[in-house]
Amino acid sequence: MAIDQDVGDLLIMGDSDLIIRQAHGEWETRDVKLIPYRQHVEDLSKRFRSVEFRYIPRCHNELADALATLASMLPYPGNAHIDPLEIQIRERHGYCNAIEAGPSIQPWYQDIKRFLKTQEYPEHATGYQKRTIRRQEVIKAVVATATAVTASIAIPW
């Protein structure tokens, strides 16, 4: 793919220190099955202006590890073409870019808090949302009762 796009400088990152050192030529490739692959890497490397192999510890390469895990879970028919996955690194988390918050935004629990005080549902609440708010009130009552019972139990020593 990099050759087809006329890439000049190539950075290859991997989480196997052994493979990276063998690709650099620092360590010898002894496994007979891997020697043809090592030779193929050398041949491909000549087609680029520069090739750099960089070791990335797995703990710093969580995205690649997660993608590899997902890929191993999917069935892959041998003759199917799968388009590359494009991933962009942003300065902020995705959820920060998706939320448009005004300066006077209320906390997420504001409707529940108002219901507990006034026993009135928000005017825009659906039936499902009203049921959820009622359940929160029941949970609060159970916790309050359990706390009161626990506080009134005297433990004889």
C-alpha atoms as a PDB file:
ATOM      1  CA  MET A   1       0.000   0.000   0.000  1.00  0.00           C
ATOM      2  CA  ALA A   2       2.801   2.425   0.892  1.00  0.00           C
ATOM      3  CA  ILE A   3       4.578   1.562  -2.364  1.00  0.00           C
ATOM      4  CA  ASP A   4       1.402   2.175  -4.388  1.00  0.00           C
ATOM      5  CA  GLN A   5       1.070   5.636  -2.846  1.00  0.00           C
ATOM      6  CA  ASP A   6       4.693   6.598  -3.565  1.00  0.00           C
ATOM      7  CA  VAL A   7       5.624   6.993   0.079  1.00  0.00           C
ATOM      8  CA  GLY A   8       9.259   8.062   0.423  1.00  0.00           C
ATOM      9  CA  ASP A   9       9.885   7.831   4.147  1.00  0.00           C
ATOM     10  CA  LEU A  10       8.368   4.929   6.030  1.00  0.00           C
ATOM     11  CA  LEU A  11       8.045   4.520   9.801  1.00  0.00           C
ATOM     12  CA  ILE A  12       7.189   1.001  10.949  1.00  0.00           C
ATOM     13  CA  MET A  13       6.206   0.586  14.581  1.00  0.00           C
ATOM     14  CA  GLY A  14       5.884  -2.754  16.315  1.00  0.00           C
ATOM     15  CA  ASP A  15       5.478  -4.159  19.809  1.00  0.00           C
ATOM     16  CA  SER A  16       7.909  -7.068  19.338  1.00  0.00           C
ATOM     17  CA  ASP A  17      11.392  -6.006  20.388  1.00  0.00           C
ATOM     18  CA  LEU A  18      12.801  -9.159  18.794  1.00  0.00           C
ATOM     19  CA  ILE A  19      11.281  -8.451  15.362  1.00  0.00           C
ATOM     20  CA  ILE A  20      12.287  -4.771  15.425  1.00  0.00           C
ATOM     21  CA  ARG A  21      15.878  -5.601  16.348  1.00  0.00           C
ATOM     22  CA  GLN A  22      16.008  -8.266  13.649  1.00  0.00           C
ATOM     23  CA  ALA A  23      14.644  -5.792  11.091  1.00  0.00           C
ATOM     24  CA  HIS A  24      17.353  -3.289  12.122  1.00  0.00           C
ATOM     25  CA  GLY A  25      19.939  -6.021  11.659  1.00  0.00           C
ATOM     26  CA  GLU A  26      21.020  -5.756  15.303  1.00  0.00           C
ATOM     27  CA  TRP A  27      20.045  -9.363  15.955  1.00  0.00           C
ATOM     28  CA  GLU A  28      20.328 -12.377  13.701  1.00  0.00           C
ATOM     29  CA  THR A  29      17.196 -14.133  12.423  1.00  0.00           C
ATOM     30  CA  ARG A  30      17.772 -17.778  13.317  1.00  0.00           C
ATOM     31  CA  ASP A  31      14.342 -19.310  12.773  1.00  0.00           C
ATOM     32  CA  VAL A  32      14.447 -20.928   9.325  1.00  0.00           C
ATOM     33  CA  LYS A  33      10.774 -20.113   8.728  1.00  0.00           C
ATOM     34  CA  LEU A  34      11.360 -16.381   9.354  1.00  0.00           C
ATOM     35  CA  ILE A  35      14.448 -15.918   7.158  1.00  0.00           C
ATOM     36  CA  PRO A  36      12.442 -15.497   3.895  1.00  0.00           C
ATOM     37  CA  TYR A  37      10.291 -12.857   5.583  1.00  0.00           C
ATOM     38  CA  ARG A  38      13.404 -11.024   6.786  1.00  0.00           C
ATOM     39  CA  GLN A  39      14.779 -11.075   3.220  1.00  0.00           C
ATOM     40  CA  HIS A  40      11.457  -9.780   1.872  1.00  0.00           C
ATOM     41  CA  VAL A  41      11.559  -6.883   4.345  1.00  0.00           C
ATOM     42  CA  GLU A  42      15.072  -6.011   3.167  1.00  0.00           C
ATOM     43  CA  ASP A  43      13.961  -6.099  -0.479  1.00  0.00           C
ATOM     44  CA  LEU A  44      10.927  -3.904   0.209  1.00  0.00           C
ATOM     45  CA  SER A  45      13.030  -1.462   2.249  1.00  0.00           C
ATOM     46  CA  LYS A  46      15.123  -0.687  -0.833  1.00  0.00           C
ATOM     47  CA  ARG A  47      12.030   0.760  -2.530  1.00  0.00           C
ATOM     48  CA  PHE A  48      11.823   3.647  -0.035  1.00  0.00           C
ATOM     49  CA  ARG A  49      14.047   6.659   0.531  1.00  0.00           C
ATOM     50  CA  SER A  50      14.256   5.800   4.228  1.00  0.00           C
ATOM     51  CA  VAL A  51      12.745   3.143   6.477  1.00  0.00           C
ATOM     52  CA  GLU A  52      12.735   3.374  10.254  1.00  0.00           C
ATOM     53  CA  PHE A  53      11.705   0.548  12.567  1.00  0.00           C
ATOM     54  CA  ARG A  54      10.589   1.706  15.997  1.00  0.00           C
ATOM     55  CA  TYR A  55       9.790  -0.436  19.043  1.00  0.00           C
ATOM     56  CA  ILE A  56       6.624   0.549  20.901  1.00  0.00           C
ATOM     57  CA  PRO A  57       5.922  -1.359  24.147  1.00  0.00           C
ATOM     58  CA  ARG A  58       2.482  -2.958  24.123  1.00  0.00           C
ATOM     59  CA  CYS A  59       1.386  -0.859  27.114  1.00  0.00           C
ATOM     60  CA  HIS A  60       1.913   2.256  24.930  1.00  0.00           C
ATOM     61  CA  ASN A  61       0.228   0.721  21.910  1.00  0.00           C
ATOM     62  CA  GLU A  62      -3.255   0.034  23.264  1.00  0.00           C
ATOM     63  CA  LEU A  63      -5.091   1.057  20.091  1.00  0.00           C
ATOM     64  CA  ALA A  64      -3.184  -1.409  17.915  1.00  0.00           C
ATOM     65  CA  ASP A  65      -3.672  -4.123  20.521  1.00  0.00           C
ATOM     66  CA  ALA A  66      -7.437  -3.464  20.599  1.00  0.00           C
ATOM     67  CA  LEU A  67      -7.657  -3.453  16.794  1.00  0.00           C
ATOM     68  CA  ALA A  68      -5.723  -6.726  16.603  1.00  0.00           C
ATOM     69  CA  THR A  69      -8.092  -8.280  19.144  1.00  0.00           C
ATOM     70  CA  LEU A  70     -11.129  -7.102  17.159  1.00  0.00           C
ATOM     71  CA  ALA A  71      -9.633  -8.359  13.890  1.00  0.00           C
ATOM     72  CA  SER A  72      -9.051 -11.792  15.382  1.00  0.00           C
ATOM     73  CA  MET A  73     -12.737 -12.000  16.337  1.00  0.00           C
ATOM     74  CA  LEU A  74     -14.110 -11.281  12.845  1.00  0.00           C
ATOM     75  CA  PRO A  75     -14.551 -13.939  10.183  1.00  0.00           C
ATOM     76  CA  TYR A  76     -12.493 -13.072   7.130  1.00  0.00           C
ATOM     77  CA  PRO A  77     -13.171 -14.730   3.774  1.00  0.00           C
ATOM     78  CA  GLY A  78      -9.842 -15.032   1.980  1.00  0.00           C
ATOM     79  CA  ASN A  79     -10.950 -13.392  -1.266  1.00  0.00           C
ATOM     80  CA  ALA A  80     -12.677 -10.342   0.241  1.00  0.00           C
ATOM     81  CA  HIS A  81     -11.166  -6.853   0.072  1.00  0.00           C
ATOM     82  CA  ILE A  82     -11.262  -4.847   3.277  1.00  0.00           C
ATOM     83  CA  ASP A  83     -10.690  -1.111   3.027  1.00  0.00           C
ATOM     84  CA  PRO A  84      -8.123   0.334   5.432  1.00  0.00           C
ATOM     85  CA  LEU A  85      -9.409   1.874   8.628  1.00  0.00           C
ATOM     86  CA  GLU A  86      -8.704   5.592   8.882  1.00  0.00           C
ATOM     87  CA  ILE A  87      -7.994   6.789  12.402  1.00  0.00           C
ATOM     88  CA  GLN A  88      -7.398  10.397  13.312  1.00  0.00           C
ATOM     89  CA  ILE A  89      -5.751  11.548  16.504  1.00  0.00           C
ATOM     90  CA  ARG A  90      -7.427  14.621  17.919  1.00  0.00           C
ATOM     91  CA  GLU A  91      -6.356  17.056  20.599  1.00  0.00           C
ATOM     92  CA  ARG A  92      -9.566  16.448  22.551  1.00  0.00           C
ATOM     93  CA  HIS A  93     -11.655  13.364  23.304  1.00  0.00           C
ATOM     94  CA  GLY A  94     -14.468  12.657  20.837  1.00  0.00           C
ATOM     95  CA  TYR A  95     -17.201  13.223  23.395  1.00  0.00           C
ATOM     96  CA  CYS A  96     -15.880  16.743  24.015  1.00  0.00           C
ATOM     97  CA  ASN A  97     -16.286  17.545  20.333  1.00  0.00           C
ATOM     98  CA  ALA A  98     -19.804  16.089  20.210  1.00  0.00           C
ATOM     99  CA  ILE A  99     -21.317  17.999  23.118  1.00  0.00           C
ATOM    100  CA  GLU A 100     -22.417  21.554  22.625  1.00  0.00           C
ATOM    101  CA  ALA A 101     -22.778  22.960  26.104  1.00  0.00           C
ATOM    102  CA  GLY A 102     -24.012  26.443  26.829  1.00  0.00           C
ATOM    103  CA  PRO A 103     -22.781  28.488  29.767  1.00  0.00           C
ATOM    104  CA  SER A 104     -25.920  27.795  31.831  1.00  0.00           C
ATOM    105  CA  ILE A 105     -26.127  24.035  31.331  1.00  0.00           C
ATOM    106  CA  GLN A 106     -27.565  22.088  34.275  1.00  0.00           C
ATOM    107  CA  PRO A 107     -25.942  18.922  35.648  1.00  0.00           C
ATOM    108  CA  TRP A 108     -27.206  15.597  34.230  1.00  0.00           C
ATOM    109  CA  TYR A 109     -29.073  14.770  37.461  1.00  0.00           C
ATOM    110  CA  GLN A 110     -30.967  18.092  37.623  1.00  0.00           C
ATOM    111  CA  ASP A 111     -34.323  16.554  36.562  1.00  0.00           C
ATOM    112  CA  ILE A 112     -34.084  13.823  39.217  1.00  0.00           C
ATOM    113  CA  LYS A 113     -33.145  16.362  41.884  1.00  0.00           C
ATOM    114  CA  ARG A 114     -36.104  18.589  40.950  1.00  0.00           C
ATOM    115  CA  PHE A 115     -38.480  15.605  41.022  1.00  0.00           C
ATOM    116  CA  LEU A 116     -37.297  14.601  44.503  1.00  0.00           C
ATOM    117  CA  LYS A 117     -37.977  18.130  45.765  1.00  0.00           C
ATOM    118  CA  THR A 118     -41.238  19.001  43.969  1.00  0.00           C
ATOM    119  CA  GLN A 119     -42.622  15.604  42.790  1.00  0.00           C
ATOM    120  CA  GLU A 120     -43.081  17.163  39.311  1.00  0.00           C
ATOM    121  CA  TYR A 121     -41.690  15.682  36.114  1.00  0.00           C
ATOM    122  CA  PRO A 122     -39.876  17.837  33.581  1.00  0.00           C
ATOM    123  CA  GLU A 123     -42.249  19.076  30.886  1.00  0.00           C
ATOM    124  CA  HIS A 124     -40.259  17.390  28.093  1.00  0.00           C
ATOM    125  CA  ALA A 125     -39.989  13.974  29.823  1.00  0.00           C
ATOM    126  CA  THR A 126     -41.231  10.873  27.989  1.00  0.00           C
ATOM    127  CA  GLY A 127     -42.961   7.976  29.732  1.00  0.00           C
ATOM    128  CA  TYR A 128     -39.697   6.031  29.839  1.00  0.00           C
ATOM    129  CA  GLN A 129     -37.850   8.991  31.375  1.00  0.00           C
ATOM    130  CA  LYS A 130     -40.581   9.471  33.993  1.00  0.00           C
ATOM    131  CA  ARG A 131     -40.331   5.788  34.943  1.00  0.00           C
ATOM    132  CA  THR A 132     -36.546   6.123  35.279  1.00  0.00           C
ATOM    133  CA  ILE A 133     -36.938   9.156  37.544  1.00  0.00           C
ATOM    134  CA  ARG A 134     -39.442   7.241  39.730  1.00  0.00           C
ATOM    135  CA  ARG A 135     -36.992   4.348  40.031  1.00  0.00           C
ATOM    136  CA  GLN A 136     -34.305   6.754  41.210  1.00  0.00           C
ATOM    137  CA  GLU A 137     -36.702   7.964  43.918  1.00  0.00           C
ATOM    138  CA  VAL A 138     -37.341   4.370  45.049  1.00  0.00           C
ATOM    139  CA  ILE A 139     -33.589   3.697  45.203  1.00  0.00           C
ATOM    140  CA  LYS A 140     -33.121   6.823  47.319  1.00  0.00           C
ATOM    141  CA  ALA A 141     -35.895   5.705  49.703  1.00  0.00           C
ATOM    142  CA  VAL A 142     -34.393   2.200  50.070  1.00  0.00           C
ATOM    143  CA  VAL A 143     -30.920   3.606  50.755  1.00  0.00           C
ATOM    144  CA  ALA A 144     -32.313   6.091  53.285  1.00  0.00           C
ATOM    145  CA  THR A 145     -34.275   3.310  55.055  1.00  0.00           C
ATOM    146  CA  ALA A 146     -31.272   0.973  55.109  1.00  0.00           C
ATOM    147  CA  THR A 147     -29.106   3.756  56.525  1.00  0.00           C
ATOM    148  CA  ALA A 148     -31.648   4.535  59.255  1.00  0.00           C
ATOM    149  CA  VAL A 149     -31.990   0.839  60.199  1.00  0.00           C
ATOM    150  CA  THR A 150     -28.227   0.371  60.304  1.00  0.00           C
ATOM    151  CA  ALA A 151     -27.805   3.444  62.490  1.00  0.00           C
ATOM    152  CA  SER A 152     -30.445   2.205  64.974  1.00  0.00           C
ATOM    153  CA  ILE A 153     -28.956  -1.259  65.472  1.00  0.00           C
ATOM    154  CA  ALA A 154     -26.953  -1.481  68.693  1.00  0.00           C
ATOM    155  CA  ILE A 155     -24.227  -4.085  68.555  1.00  0.00           C
ATOM    156  CA  PRO A 156     -23.598  -5.635  72.014  1.00  0.00           C
ATOM    157  CA  TRP A 157     -19.944  -6.361  72.705  1.00  0.00           C
END
